[in-house]
Amino acid sequence: MSIILGVLAILSAIGVFSAIRIKRQAEKRIALRKKHYRAKLNEIKW
């Protein structure tokens, strides 16, 4: 029984870690897109 609980704990920890990593990557991508979009807007303004 304790082995099953240990495996579940490890799997949930891995799941949380990968979710955080995916979220960070998505945030970075969004930030890059915003920067790119602002640069385009500035080009249009000038």
C-alpha atoms as a PDB file:
ATOM      1  CA  MET A   1       0.000   0.000   0.000  1.00  0.00           C
ATOM      2  CA  SER A   2       2.753   2.451   0.954  1.00  0.00           C
ATOM      3  CA  ILE A   3       4.569   1.702  -2.318  1.00  0.00           C
ATOM      4  CA  ILE A   4       1.475   2.749  -4.296  1.00  0.00           C
ATOM      5  CA  LEU A   5       1.202   5.969  -2.279  1.00  0.00           C
ATOM      6  CA  GLY A   6       4.890   6.695  -2.888  1.00  0.00           C
ATOM      7  CA  VAL A   7       4.500   6.211  -6.639  1.00  0.00           C
ATOM      8  CA  LEU A   8       1.432   8.470  -6.648  1.00  0.00           C
ATOM      9  CA  ALA A   9       3.318  11.147  -4.704  1.00  0.00           C
ATOM     10  CA  ILE A  10       6.234  11.022  -7.166  1.00  0.00           C
ATOM     11  CA  LEU A  11       3.890  11.184 -10.172  1.00  0.00           C
ATOM     12  CA  SER A  12       1.984  14.148  -8.751  1.00  0.00           C
ATOM     13  CA  ALA A  13       5.262  15.965  -7.988  1.00  0.00           C
ATOM     14  CA  ILE A  14       6.444  15.401 -11.573  1.00  0.00           C
ATOM     15  CA  GLY A  15       3.064  16.601 -12.865  1.00  0.00           C
ATOM     16  CA  VAL A  16       3.202  19.800 -10.818  1.00  0.00           C
ATOM     17  CA  PHE A  17       6.811  20.467 -11.863  1.00  0.00           C
ATOM     18  CA  SER A  18       6.086  19.975 -15.570  1.00  0.00           C
ATOM     19  CA  ALA A  19       2.952  22.140 -15.332  1.00  0.00           C
ATOM     20  CA  ILE A  20       4.992  24.978 -13.790  1.00  0.00           C
ATOM     21  CA  ARG A  21       7.638  24.615 -16.503  1.00  0.00           C
ATOM     22  CA  ILE A  22       5.034  24.656 -19.294  1.00  0.00           C
ATOM     23  CA  LYS A  23       3.394  27.731 -17.745  1.00  0.00           C
ATOM     24  CA  ARG A  24       6.744  29.568 -17.591  1.00  0.00           C
ATOM     25  CA  GLN A  25       7.506  28.723 -21.219  1.00  0.00           C
ATOM     26  CA  ALA A  26       4.059  29.968 -22.260  1.00  0.00           C
ATOM     27  CA  GLU A  27       4.567  33.216 -20.323  1.00  0.00           C
ATOM     28  CA  LYS A  28       7.966  33.740 -21.996  1.00  0.00           C
ATOM     29  CA  ARG A  29       6.408  33.146 -25.415  1.00  0.00           C
ATOM     30  CA  ILE A  30       3.592  35.619 -24.688  1.00  0.00           C
ATOM     31  CA  ALA A  31       6.116  38.215 -23.482  1.00  0.00           C
ATOM     32  CA  LEU A  32       8.185  37.781 -26.659  1.00  0.00           C
ATOM     33  CA  ARG A  33       5.063  38.122 -28.805  1.00  0.00           C
ATOM     34  CA  LYS A  34       4.057  41.321 -26.976  1.00  0.00           C
ATOM     35  CA  LYS A  35       7.553  42.757 -27.474  1.00  0.00           C
ATOM     36  CA  HIS A  36       7.448  41.855 -31.173  1.00  0.00           C
ATOM     37  CA  TYR A  37       3.964  43.373 -31.507  1.00  0.00           C
ATOM     38  CA  ARG A  38       5.096  46.619 -29.825  1.00  0.00           C
ATOM     39  CA  ALA A  39       8.090  46.832 -32.155  1.00  0.00           C
ATOM     40  CA  LYS A  40       5.758  46.451 -35.151  1.00  0.00           C
ATOM     41  CA  LEU A  41       3.463  49.174 -33.775  1.00  0.00           C
ATOM     42  CA  ASN A  42       6.447  51.497 -33.321  1.00  0.00           C
ATOM     43  CA  GLU A  43       7.548  50.851 -36.917  1.00  0.00           C
ATOM     44  CA  ILE A  44       4.049  51.719 -38.135  1.00  0.00           C
ATOM     45  CA  LYS A  45       4.001  54.920 -36.043  1.00  0.00           C
ATOM     46  CA  TRP A  46       7.310  56.119 -37.462  1.00  0.00           C
END
